Amino acid sequence: MSEPSLDAAARAAAVAQQVVDAAIAHAKNKKGDKGEAAHDDQVTLYGISHAAAATSMMKTALAYAEHGDTEARLAMIFIGRVVADLAGTLWSQHERWGVNADALDASREFVAAATSGDYVATAAGDTGPAHLREDLELVADTFRRFAAEKIAPQAEHIHREDLDIPLDIIDGVAELGCFGLSIPEQYGGFAQGGEDDYMAMVIATEELSKASLGAGGSLITRPEILARALEAGGTEEQKQKWLPQIAAGETLCAVAVTEPDFGSDVAGLKVTATQVDGGWMINGTKTWCTFAGRANALMVLARTHLDPSVGHRGLSIFIVEKPSDEGHHFRHVEAGGTLEGRAIPTLGYRGMHSFEVSFDDWFVPSENLIGGDEGLNRGFYLQMAGFENGRIQTAARAVGLMNRAYEVGYEYAENRKVFGAPLLDYQLTQAKLGLMAAIVQISRQYSYEVARMMSAGQGTLEAAMAKAFVCKWAEWVTRESLQIHGGMGYAEEYEVSRLFVDARVLSIFEGADETLCLKLIARRLLS
């Protein structure tokens, strides 16, 4: 079989895009009672959302392919796999998608060549260069060295013992300016209003996540979410007060949005904030508040319009100050009110600790309502502004995690002998590593592209698509790396076991995959 060509890859990508566009147009024509696109066929809309993410990434792959032979190989392997998966979907779902079952048949020869075991195996051992400018490569190198020297040696111990992130890691990340990478210079950060404002943040997140998702890569996310909400709707006084503290690492942040009975469906939130003299009294329980113990500021989304029928239009965001606590439990009593939290045991993503937090007549001063009077009942929109940033960060975290899984899988395959030969000599092992390499690099390149879009005030849809695609594939990459390790991968003494359980959370937090696809990606595509 001949090798695939870039021209054939471009044609296949174009046809795949036409298929997705046709499916979107078909879905648009199915109108509900309110004139909106009908959402009764969730399976189809979910599939279209993921396909749209994948086809968007194929454009990035083709651009990356222009750099050279290695880059072209990775791009064609990626495109071949995406088109093959889409063709498989059409075989059974073409009627629901409103396209012909044979719509991708013209790409059959390219897909066969680009997904053949022999061809994919040639990519094992080289994820390709990132092609960063010298200044951005310096950012990557700085955080790579810090992660290797400070985080990696402690990562396994933190995970196994479910410990707090050591202060030397937090302080080190702060000293590197990590908390202020996308905060404007006028508020103590490093963003200059250019196209690279988000790039350093994405690069740093990836490098820290290689060492540890729970003890490194996720440290930046919560401050970024709160900072973005403040920038989107905070008063000037609030920006002057909080953003410099966040940028310097003096204010450690957690986000309290989810409730025990309400996950991504924030319209039904029940935690209330009732106005009293000089401020607000918060009552109720939040859950999955990651880093809430160590944090000394909680970004709390609470109901300020007590009529539940107004849904998300009755929510506001408060900055709730608290002492920084160590361990798995905290309890504070002030002026008759109580703030209490307990860490929820989790199978992975340890170090940050996710808390259930209860508020009982907990007082918050008026000046801590984000946006002041103008921010009242606008919390949902400000929260969404914050979470847009969190999604591209989560994609970057997934890239870092996948890259490390690829590295340890390759190293193990090099050294482990089976039936008289190293695992790396076998075509199946090489093919697994080759597809991993392609997924990692094209995911990285797409995260860069989306970061630049977001720096220009765009990319909301693309950030969601990046998270949806990359986080789902992170599970496959870590699973296959563990499989290469065999029984040793199932042993906790090997790093890959941590990577495997950590990867599972990526499609859940910062917007569960199903909700992200149906409520954000699909709606944007059909609007």
Protein backbone atom coordinates (compact mmCIF):
# COMPACT_ATOMS: atom_id res chain seq x y z
CA MET A 1 0.00 0.00 0.00
CA SER A 2 1.33 3.44 -0.93
CA GLU A 3 1.79 6.15 1.67
CA PRO A 4 -0.90 8.82 2.03
CA SER A 5 -0.42 12.27 0.54
CA LEU A 6 -1.13 15.71 1.94
CA ASP A 7 -3.32 16.54 -1.06
CA ALA A 8 -5.46 13.49 -0.32
CA ALA A 9 -5.54 14.47 3.37
CA ALA A 10 -6.76 17.96 2.48
CA ARG A 11 -9.47 16.53 0.22
CA ALA A 12 -10.59 14.09 2.92
CA ALA A 13 -10.70 16.88 5.51
CA ALA A 14 -12.76 19.06 3.17
CA VAL A 15 -15.29 16.31 2.52
CA ALA A 16 -15.53 15.55 6.24
CA GLN A 17 -16.22 19.22 6.89
CA GLN A 18 -18.96 19.16 4.25
CA VAL A 19 -20.54 16.17 5.98
CA VAL A 20 -20.53 17.92 9.35
CA ASP A 21 -21.90 21.13 7.80
CA ALA A 22 -24.69 19.15 6.17
CA ALA A 23 -25.51 17.45 9.45
CA ILE A 24 -25.67 20.81 11.23
CA ALA A 25 -27.96 22.19 8.51
CA HIS A 26 -30.19 19.12 8.79
CA ALA A 27 -30.42 19.53 12.57
CA LYS A 28 -31.27 23.23 12.17
CA ASN A 29 -34.35 22.32 10.17
CA LYS A 30 -35.78 20.31 13.06
CA LYS A 31 -37.50 23.05 14.99
CA GLY A 32 -39.03 22.74 18.44
CA ASP A 33 -42.19 24.40 19.74
CA LYS A 34 -40.32 27.63 20.57
CA GLY A 35 -38.70 27.92 17.18
CA GLU A 36 -35.37 26.64 18.45
CA ALA A 37 -33.55 23.68 17.03
CA ALA A 38 -35.07 20.54 18.54
CA HIS A 39 -32.94 18.78 21.12
CA ASP A 40 -34.90 15.55 21.37
CA ASP A 41 -32.26 13.47 19.55
CA GLN A 42 -29.42 14.02 21.98
CA VAL A 43 -27.34 11.12 20.68
CA THR A 44 -27.19 12.72 17.23
CA LEU A 45 -26.41 16.20 18.54
CA TYR A 46 -23.70 14.79 20.80
CA GLY A 47 -22.12 13.00 17.86
CA ILE A 48 -22.28 16.07 15.64
CA SER A 49 -20.68 18.20 18.37
CA HIS A 50 -17.71 15.87 18.68
CA ALA A 51 -17.42 15.57 14.90
CA ALA A 52 -17.42 19.36 14.58
CA ALA A 53 -14.61 19.56 17.12
CA ALA A 54 -12.59 16.95 15.24
CA THR A 55 -13.06 18.58 11.83
CA SER A 56 -12.10 21.95 13.28
CA MET A 57 -8.88 20.38 14.51
CA MET A 58 -8.15 18.89 11.07
CA LYS A 59 -7.63 22.42 9.73
CA THR A 60 -5.02 22.95 12.41
CA ALA A 61 -3.43 19.61 11.47
CA LEU A 62 -3.11 20.67 7.83
CA ALA A 63 -1.44 23.94 8.84
CA TYR A 64 0.98 22.03 11.06
CA ALA A 65 1.77 19.65 8.19
CA GLU A 66 3.33 22.48 6.20
CA HIS A 67 6.36 22.55 8.53
CA GLY A 68 7.97 19.32 7.33
CA ASP A 69 7.82 15.55 6.87
CA THR A 70 7.44 14.61 10.54
CA GLU A 71 4.69 17.17 10.98
CA ALA A 72 2.93 15.97 7.82
CA ARG A 73 3.01 12.38 9.01
CA LEU A 74 1.42 13.26 12.36
CA ALA A 75 -1.20 15.40 10.63
CA MET A 76 -2.17 12.66 8.18
CA ILE A 77 -2.41 10.04 10.92
CA PHE A 78 -4.69 12.38 12.87
CA ILE A 79 -6.88 13.20 9.86
CA GLY A 80 -7.05 9.55 8.82
CA ARG A 81 -8.29 8.51 12.25
CA VAL A 82 -10.86 11.32 12.44
CA VAL A 83 -12.29 10.57 8.99
CA ALA A 84 -12.35 6.84 9.73
CA ASP A 85 -14.31 7.44 12.93
CA LEU A 86 -16.72 9.76 11.14
CA ALA A 87 -17.26 7.23 8.35
CA GLY A 88 -18.08 4.58 10.95
CA THR A 89 -20.67 6.89 12.47
CA LEU A 90 -22.31 7.55 9.10
CA TRP A 91 -22.65 3.84 8.42
CA SER A 92 -25.26 3.61 11.18
CA GLN A 93 -26.39 7.21 11.70
CA HIS A 94 -26.48 8.78 8.21
CA GLU A 95 -30.26 9.15 8.13
CA ARG A 96 -30.31 10.99 11.45
CA TRP A 97 -27.45 13.16 10.23
CA GLY A 98 -29.25 13.89 6.96
CA VAL A 99 -26.35 12.76 4.74
CA ASN A 100 -25.63 9.81 2.48
CA ALA A 101 -24.04 6.74 4.01
CA ASP A 102 -21.36 6.81 1.29
CA ALA A 103 -20.56 10.53 1.70
CA LEU A 104 -16.97 9.74 2.68
CA ASP A 105 -16.33 6.92 0.24
CA ALA A 106 -14.07 9.09 -1.92
CA SER A 107 -11.69 9.28 1.06
CA ARG A 108 -11.49 5.52 1.52
CA GLU A 109 -8.08 5.10 -0.12
CA PHE A 110 -6.50 7.91 1.90
CA VAL A 111 -7.99 6.64 5.17
CA ALA A 112 -6.78 3.11 4.48
CA ALA A 113 -3.25 4.37 3.91
CA ALA A 114 -3.17 6.86 6.79
CA THR A 115 -4.53 4.38 9.35
CA SER A 116 -2.56 1.31 8.25
CA GLY A 117 -0.50 -0.28 11.00
CA ASP A 118 2.76 0.09 9.09
CA TYR A 119 2.24 3.81 8.46
CA VAL A 120 1.02 4.77 11.94
CA ALA A 121 3.92 2.80 13.44
CA THR A 122 6.40 5.10 11.70
CA ALA A 123 5.34 7.95 14.03
CA ALA A 124 6.30 6.10 17.20
CA GLY A 125 9.11 7.91 18.99
CA ASP A 126 8.54 11.44 17.70
CA THR A 127 5.70 13.73 18.72
CA GLY A 128 7.17 16.44 16.53
CA PRO A 129 8.29 19.98 17.40
CA ALA A 130 5.86 22.49 18.88
CA HIS A 131 7.14 25.31 16.63
CA LEU A 132 6.99 27.98 19.30
CA ARG A 133 8.74 31.31 18.94
CA GLU A 134 11.95 31.64 20.93
CA ASP A 135 10.33 33.70 23.70
CA LEU A 136 7.47 31.22 24.11
CA GLU A 137 9.88 28.29 23.99
CA LEU A 138 11.67 29.95 26.90
CA VAL A 139 8.36 29.99 28.79
CA ALA A 140 7.91 26.30 28.10
CA ASP A 141 11.46 25.48 29.17
CA THR A 142 11.14 27.49 32.40
CA PHE A 143 7.99 25.69 33.51
CA ARG A 144 9.27 22.34 32.24
CA ARG A 145 12.34 22.61 34.47
CA PHE A 146 10.33 23.78 37.47
CA ALA A 147 7.86 20.91 37.01
CA ALA A 148 10.66 18.36 36.71
CA GLU A 149 12.63 19.67 39.69
CA LYS A 150 9.89 20.67 42.14
CA ILE A 151 6.63 18.88 41.26
CA ALA A 152 7.53 15.52 39.72
CA PRO A 153 9.60 14.28 42.70
CA GLN A 154 6.62 14.87 45.02
CA ALA A 155 3.76 13.93 42.69
CA GLU A 156 3.48 10.24 43.56
CA HIS A 157 3.67 10.85 47.31
CA ILE A 158 0.97 13.53 47.13
CA HIS A 159 -1.26 11.19 45.11
CA ARG A 160 -0.77 8.06 47.21
CA GLU A 161 -1.23 9.79 50.56
CA ASP A 162 -3.86 12.27 49.30
CA LEU A 163 -1.83 15.14 50.72
CA ASP A 164 -2.18 18.89 50.36
CA ILE A 165 -0.05 20.49 47.67
CA PRO A 166 3.17 21.52 49.45
CA LEU A 167 3.66 25.22 49.92
CA ASP A 168 6.99 25.14 48.10
CA ILE A 169 5.12 24.19 44.90
CA ILE A 170 2.50 26.91 45.36
CA ASP A 171 5.12 29.51 46.22
CA GLY A 172 7.27 28.44 43.29
CA VAL A 173 4.38 28.73 40.83
CA ALA A 174 3.63 32.19 42.26
CA GLU A 175 7.27 33.29 41.94
CA LEU A 176 7.23 32.28 38.28
CA GLY A 177 4.27 34.63 37.76
CA CYS A 178 1.98 31.79 36.82
CA PHE A 179 -1.09 33.22 38.51
CA GLY A 180 -0.89 36.44 36.52
CA LEU A 181 -0.13 35.18 33.03
CA SER A 182 -3.39 36.38 31.51
CA ILE A 183 -4.16 39.21 33.96
CA PRO A 184 -3.55 42.67 32.40
CA GLU A 185 -0.33 44.46 33.34
CA GLN A 186 -2.30 47.38 34.80
CA TYR A 187 -3.59 44.98 37.47
CA GLY A 188 -0.28 43.37 38.30
CA GLY A 189 -0.30 40.61 35.69
CA PHE A 190 1.65 39.98 32.50
CA ALA A 191 -0.98 40.26 29.75
CA GLN A 192 -0.24 43.08 27.33
CA GLY A 193 -3.35 42.97 25.18
CA GLY A 194 -1.67 41.05 22.35
CA GLU A 195 -2.37 37.77 20.59
CA ASP A 196 -0.06 35.85 22.92
CA ASP A 197 -1.74 36.83 26.20
CA TYR A 198 -3.20 33.36 26.64
CA MET A 199 -0.34 31.45 25.06
CA ALA A 200 1.96 31.58 28.07
CA MET A 201 -0.88 30.39 30.30
CA VAL A 202 -1.65 27.43 28.02
CA ILE A 203 2.03 26.52 27.69
CA ALA A 204 2.65 26.74 31.44
CA THR A 205 -0.46 24.67 32.17
CA GLU A 206 0.68 21.91 29.85
CA GLU A 207 4.18 21.73 31.30
CA LEU A 208 2.95 21.69 34.91
CA SER A 209 0.36 19.02 34.06
CA LYS A 210 3.07 16.71 32.71
CA ALA A 211 4.43 16.47 36.23
CA SER A 212 1.06 16.25 37.98
CA LEU A 213 -2.50 17.16 37.13
CA GLY A 214 -3.55 17.46 40.76
CA ALA A 215 -0.44 19.08 42.19
CA GLY A 216 0.68 21.21 39.26
CA GLY A 217 -1.44 21.82 36.20
CA SER A 218 -4.62 22.72 38.02
CA LEU A 219 -3.16 25.39 40.28
CA ILE A 220 -3.70 28.10 37.67
CA THR A 221 -7.29 27.26 36.73
CA ARG A 222 -9.25 28.56 39.71
CA PRO A 223 -7.46 31.92 39.83
CA GLU A 224 -8.01 32.26 36.07
CA ILE A 225 -11.76 31.64 36.42
CA LEU A 226 -12.17 34.24 39.16
CA ALA A 227 -9.90 36.73 37.39
CA ARG A 228 -11.89 36.38 34.18
CA ALA A 229 -15.19 36.93 36.00
CA LEU A 230 -13.76 40.06 37.63
CA GLU A 231 -12.45 41.37 34.33
CA ALA A 232 -15.81 40.71 32.66
CA GLY A 233 -18.01 42.39 35.26
CA GLY A 234 -16.17 43.55 38.36
CA THR A 235 -16.11 47.15 39.46
CA GLU A 236 -12.87 49.08 39.02
CA GLU A 237 -12.38 49.01 42.79
CA GLN A 238 -12.76 45.23 42.82
CA LYS A 239 -10.29 44.81 39.97
CA GLN A 240 -7.76 47.06 41.69
CA LYS A 241 -8.10 45.11 44.92
CA TRP A 242 -8.35 41.48 43.81
CA LEU A 243 -6.50 41.09 40.52
CA PRO A 244 -3.06 42.13 41.84
CA GLN A 245 -3.50 39.78 44.81
CA ILE A 246 -4.47 36.91 42.50
CA ALA A 247 -1.57 37.65 40.13
CA ALA A 248 0.91 37.61 43.03
CA GLY A 249 -0.46 34.38 44.47
CA GLU A 250 -1.47 36.15 47.67
CA THR A 251 -5.11 35.22 47.07
CA LEU A 252 -5.57 31.49 46.47
CA CYS A 253 -8.90 30.78 44.81
CA ALA A 254 -11.56 28.10 44.69
CA VAL A 255 -14.82 28.02 42.74
CA ALA A 256 -18.12 27.11 44.44
CA VAL A 257 -20.77 26.65 41.75
CA THR A 258 -21.94 23.03 41.75
CA GLU A 259 -24.50 21.83 44.31
CA PRO A 260 -25.34 18.29 45.46
CA ASP A 261 -28.51 18.17 43.34
CA PHE A 262 -27.37 20.47 40.55
CA GLY A 263 -24.22 19.91 38.52
CA SER A 264 -24.02 21.68 35.17
CA ASP A 265 -27.69 22.73 35.45
CA VAL A 266 -26.97 25.95 37.32
CA ALA A 267 -30.45 27.38 36.65
CA GLY A 268 -31.75 25.30 39.55
CA LEU A 269 -29.16 26.30 42.15
CA LYS A 270 -30.56 26.66 45.66
CA VAL A 271 -27.78 28.25 47.71
CA THR A 272 -29.16 31.66 48.64
CA ALA A 273 -27.68 35.06 49.33
CA THR A 274 -30.10 37.27 51.27
CA GLN A 275 -29.42 40.97 51.58
CA VAL A 276 -28.89 42.25 55.12
CA ASP A 277 -27.47 45.43 56.59
CA GLY A 278 -24.01 45.96 55.08
CA GLY A 279 -23.94 42.85 52.97
CA TRP A 280 -25.37 39.42 52.28
CA MET A 281 -26.07 36.26 54.24
CA ILE A 282 -25.27 33.03 52.40
CA ASN A 283 -26.98 29.73 53.21
CA GLY A 284 -26.79 26.31 51.62
CA THR A 285 -24.31 23.69 50.44
CA LYS A 286 -21.91 23.60 47.51
CA THR A 287 -19.99 20.56 46.35
CA TRP A 288 -16.94 19.75 44.23
CA CYS A 289 -15.23 22.95 45.34
CA THR A 290 -11.71 22.07 44.31
CA PHE A 291 -8.95 23.58 46.47
CA ALA A 292 -11.52 25.10 48.87
CA GLY A 293 -9.40 24.18 51.89
CA ARG A 294 -6.19 25.94 50.94
CA ALA A 295 -8.03 28.79 49.21
CA ASN A 296 -8.59 32.04 51.06
CA ALA A 297 -11.18 33.27 48.55
CA LEU A 298 -14.17 31.31 47.25
CA MET A 299 -15.98 32.41 44.09
CA VAL A 300 -19.56 31.55 45.09
CA LEU A 301 -22.50 31.54 42.68
CA ALA A 302 -25.65 32.08 44.78
CA ARG A 303 -29.32 32.83 44.22
CA THR A 304 -30.09 36.48 44.94
CA HIS A 305 -33.51 36.48 43.25
CA LEU A 306 -35.40 34.06 45.45
CA ASP A 307 -38.08 33.23 42.87
CA PRO A 308 -36.69 29.99 41.35
CA SER A 309 -38.75 30.48 38.18
CA VAL A 310 -36.27 33.10 36.93
CA GLY A 311 -33.63 30.35 36.71
CA HIS A 312 -30.13 31.48 35.82
CA ARG A 313 -31.22 35.11 35.65
CA GLY A 314 -31.45 35.27 39.44
CA LEU A 315 -27.86 34.37 40.32
CA SER A 316 -24.96 36.53 41.51
CA ILE A 317 -21.28 35.93 42.24
CA PHE A 318 -19.67 36.69 45.58
CA ILE A 319 -16.06 36.56 46.70
CA VAL A 320 -16.20 34.81 50.06
CA GLU A 321 -13.05 35.31 52.12
CA LYS A 322 -11.86 32.63 54.52
CA PRO A 323 -8.67 31.53 56.26
CA SER A 324 -6.40 29.18 54.33
CA ASP A 325 -6.76 25.68 55.79
CA GLU A 326 -4.70 22.52 55.58
CA GLY A 327 -6.04 18.99 55.52
CA HIS A 328 -9.38 17.43 54.66
CA HIS A 329 -11.70 19.44 56.88
CA PHE A 330 -12.23 23.02 58.00
CA ARG A 331 -14.75 24.85 60.16
CA HIS A 332 -14.99 28.56 60.88
CA VAL A 333 -17.44 30.48 63.04
CA GLU A 334 -17.89 34.24 62.74
CA ALA A 335 -20.68 36.50 64.06
CA GLY A 336 -22.96 33.54 64.60
CA GLY A 337 -22.42 32.13 61.09
CA THR A 338 -20.61 28.94 60.15
CA LEU A 339 -18.53 27.95 57.15
CA GLU A 340 -17.59 24.27 57.05
CA GLY A 341 -15.97 22.00 54.48
CA ARG A 342 -15.03 18.35 54.10
CA ALA A 343 -12.88 16.87 51.35
CA ILE A 344 -14.55 14.29 49.11
CA PRO A 345 -12.40 11.16 48.60
CA THR A 346 -11.63 10.72 44.89
CA LEU A 347 -9.91 8.01 42.87
CA GLY A 348 -7.59 10.52 41.20
CA TYR A 349 -6.86 14.24 40.88
CA ARG A 350 -5.54 14.36 44.42
CA GLY A 351 -3.61 17.15 46.04
CA MET A 352 -6.14 19.85 45.16
CA HIS A 353 -8.91 18.15 47.23
CA SER A 354 -12.51 18.70 46.19
CA PHE A 355 -14.69 19.87 49.08
CA GLU A 356 -18.32 19.93 50.03
CA VAL A 357 -18.79 23.36 51.61
CA SER A 358 -21.72 24.36 53.82
CA PHE A 359 -22.74 27.96 54.51
CA ASP A 360 -24.90 28.69 57.54
CA ASP A 361 -25.71 32.40 57.87
CA TRP A 362 -22.24 33.23 56.54
CA PHE A 363 -21.90 36.99 56.14
CA VAL A 364 -20.31 38.55 53.04
CA PRO A 365 -19.84 42.34 52.82
CA SER A 366 -21.56 44.25 50.01
CA GLU A 367 -18.28 45.13 48.32
CA ASN A 368 -17.69 41.42 47.63
CA LEU A 369 -20.65 41.14 45.26
CA ILE A 370 -18.88 41.07 41.89
CA GLY A 371 -20.04 44.04 39.86
CA GLY A 372 -21.79 45.69 42.80
CA ASP A 373 -25.38 46.70 42.05
CA GLU A 374 -24.79 46.23 38.33
CA GLY A 375 -23.61 42.69 38.96
CA LEU A 376 -26.76 41.71 40.84
CA ASN A 377 -28.44 38.73 39.17
CA ARG A 378 -25.76 38.67 36.44
CA GLY A 379 -23.68 35.94 38.05
CA PHE A 380 -24.48 33.28 35.49
CA TYR A 381 -23.04 35.37 32.65
CA LEU A 382 -19.95 36.33 34.62
CA GLN A 383 -19.42 32.72 35.60
CA MET A 384 -19.63 31.68 31.94
CA ALA A 385 -16.94 34.25 31.10
CA GLY A 386 -14.73 32.64 33.71
CA PHE A 387 -15.37 29.09 32.59
CA GLU A 388 -14.54 29.85 28.94
CA ASN A 389 -10.98 30.40 30.08
CA GLY A 390 -11.09 27.30 32.25
CA ARG A 391 -12.00 25.11 29.27
CA ILE A 392 -8.97 25.93 27.17
CA GLN A 393 -6.86 25.46 30.26
CA THR A 394 -8.41 22.04 30.78
CA ALA A 395 -7.56 21.12 27.20
CA ALA A 396 -3.97 22.18 27.90
CA ARG A 397 -3.97 20.08 31.06
CA ALA A 398 -5.14 17.10 29.01
CA VAL A 399 -2.33 17.67 26.49
CA GLY A 400 0.26 17.68 29.27
CA LEU A 401 -1.17 14.54 30.82
CA MET A 402 -1.32 12.74 27.47
CA ASN A 403 2.21 13.75 26.60
CA ARG A 404 3.52 12.31 29.84
CA ALA A 405 1.53 9.10 29.30
CA TYR A 406 3.10 8.82 25.84
CA GLU A 407 6.59 9.36 27.28
CA VAL A 408 6.31 6.72 30.01
CA GLY A 409 4.68 4.29 27.58
CA TYR A 410 7.53 4.71 25.12
CA GLU A 411 10.20 4.39 27.81
CA TYR A 412 8.63 1.20 29.17
CA ALA A 413 8.26 -0.29 25.67
CA GLU A 414 11.96 0.39 25.01
CA ASN A 415 13.12 -1.46 28.10
CA ARG A 416 10.58 -4.26 28.55
CA LYS A 417 11.33 -7.49 26.70
CA VAL A 418 8.53 -9.87 25.70
CA PHE A 419 9.11 -13.14 23.83
CA GLY A 420 12.78 -12.24 23.44
CA ALA A 421 12.38 -8.76 22.00
CA PRO A 422 11.65 -5.26 23.35
CA LEU A 423 7.98 -4.30 23.27
CA LEU A 424 8.95 -1.40 21.05
CA ASP A 425 9.97 -3.80 18.28
CA TYR A 426 6.38 -4.95 17.79
CA GLN A 427 4.21 -3.26 15.20
CA LEU A 428 1.14 -3.06 17.48
CA THR A 429 3.10 -1.22 20.16
CA GLN A 430 4.55 1.15 17.57
CA ALA A 431 1.10 1.82 16.10
CA LYS A 432 -0.33 2.66 19.50
CA LEU A 433 2.53 5.06 20.20
CA GLY A 434 2.28 6.55 16.71
CA LEU A 435 -1.40 7.44 17.15
CA MET A 436 -0.65 8.80 20.61
CA ALA A 437 2.03 11.06 19.13
CA ALA A 438 -0.39 12.41 16.52
CA ILE A 439 -3.18 13.02 19.02
CA VAL A 440 -0.85 14.79 21.45
CA GLN A 441 0.72 17.14 18.90
CA ILE A 442 -2.42 18.13 17.00
CA SER A 443 -4.22 18.67 20.30
CA ARG A 444 -1.34 20.89 21.40
CA GLN A 445 -1.43 22.90 18.18
CA TYR A 446 -5.18 23.39 18.44
CA SER A 447 -4.88 24.59 22.02
CA TYR A 448 -2.36 27.18 20.79
CA GLU A 449 -4.72 28.30 18.06
CA VAL A 450 -7.65 28.66 20.44
CA ALA A 451 -5.47 30.54 22.94
CA ARG A 452 -4.67 33.11 20.26
CA MET A 453 -8.34 33.39 19.36
CA MET A 454 -9.27 34.00 22.98
CA SER A 455 -6.61 36.69 23.27
CA ALA A 456 -8.54 38.46 20.51
CA GLY A 457 -11.84 38.10 22.36
CA GLN A 458 -13.01 35.13 20.27
CA GLY A 459 -12.83 31.34 20.50
CA THR A 460 -15.62 30.55 22.98
CA LEU A 461 -16.97 27.74 20.80
CA GLU A 462 -13.51 26.48 19.90
CA ALA A 463 -12.45 26.37 23.56
CA ALA A 464 -15.43 24.14 24.31
CA MET A 465 -14.64 21.93 21.31
CA ALA A 466 -11.01 21.64 22.35
CA LYS A 467 -12.01 20.49 25.80
CA ALA A 468 -14.56 18.00 24.46
CA PHE A 469 -12.19 16.34 21.99
CA VAL A 470 -8.90 16.43 23.85
CA CYS A 471 -10.23 15.31 27.23
CA LYS A 472 -12.02 12.33 25.75
CA TRP A 473 -8.89 11.22 23.89
CA ALA A 474 -6.80 11.67 27.03
CA GLU A 475 -8.62 8.66 28.44
CA TRP A 476 -7.63 6.56 25.43
CA VAL A 477 -3.99 7.69 25.48
CA THR A 478 -3.53 6.97 29.20
CA ARG A 479 -5.41 3.68 28.86
CA GLU A 480 -3.15 2.49 26.06
CA SER A 481 -0.02 3.62 27.88
CA LEU A 482 -1.15 1.61 30.90
CA GLN A 483 -1.87 -1.34 28.60
CA ILE A 484 1.66 -1.18 27.22
CA HIS A 485 2.88 -1.49 30.81
CA GLY A 486 0.73 -4.61 31.25
CA GLY A 487 0.41 -5.77 34.85
CA MET A 488 2.95 -3.21 35.98
CA GLY A 489 0.66 -0.45 34.74
CA TYR A 490 -2.03 -1.68 37.11
CA ALA A 491 0.40 -1.42 40.02
CA GLU A 492 0.27 1.90 41.85
CA GLU A 493 4.04 2.02 42.08
CA TYR A 494 4.15 2.96 38.38
CA GLU A 495 3.42 6.54 37.38
CA VAL A 496 1.08 5.54 34.56
CA SER A 497 -1.53 4.32 37.06
CA ARG A 498 -1.81 7.88 38.40
CA LEU A 499 -2.03 9.32 34.91
CA PHE A 500 -4.83 6.88 34.09
CA VAL A 501 -7.07 7.77 37.03
CA ASP A 502 -6.30 11.48 36.72
CA ALA A 503 -7.37 11.50 33.06
CA ARG A 504 -10.85 10.32 33.97
CA VAL A 505 -11.79 13.61 35.61
CA LEU A 506 -11.00 15.73 32.56
CA SER A 507 -14.31 15.07 30.79
CA ILE A 508 -16.25 15.78 33.97
CA PHE A 509 -15.04 19.07 35.45
CA GLU A 510 -15.20 22.54 33.85
CA GLY A 511 -18.37 21.34 32.11
CA ALA A 512 -19.32 17.66 31.85
CA ASP A 513 -18.77 16.42 28.30
CA GLU A 514 -22.43 15.68 27.61
CA THR A 515 -23.65 19.03 28.90
CA LEU A 516 -20.84 20.86 27.13
CA CYS A 517 -21.75 19.24 23.81
CA LEU A 518 -25.53 19.54 24.06
CA LYS A 519 -25.93 22.87 25.83
CA LEU A 520 -23.00 24.83 24.42
CA ILE A 521 -21.42 23.32 21.32
CA ALA A 522 -24.61 22.06 19.68
CA ARG A 523 -26.52 25.24 20.48
CA ARG A 524 -23.76 27.43 19.05
CA LEU A 525 -23.54 25.28 15.92
CA LEU A 526 -27.30 25.41 15.38
CA SER A 527 -27.77 29.08 16.19
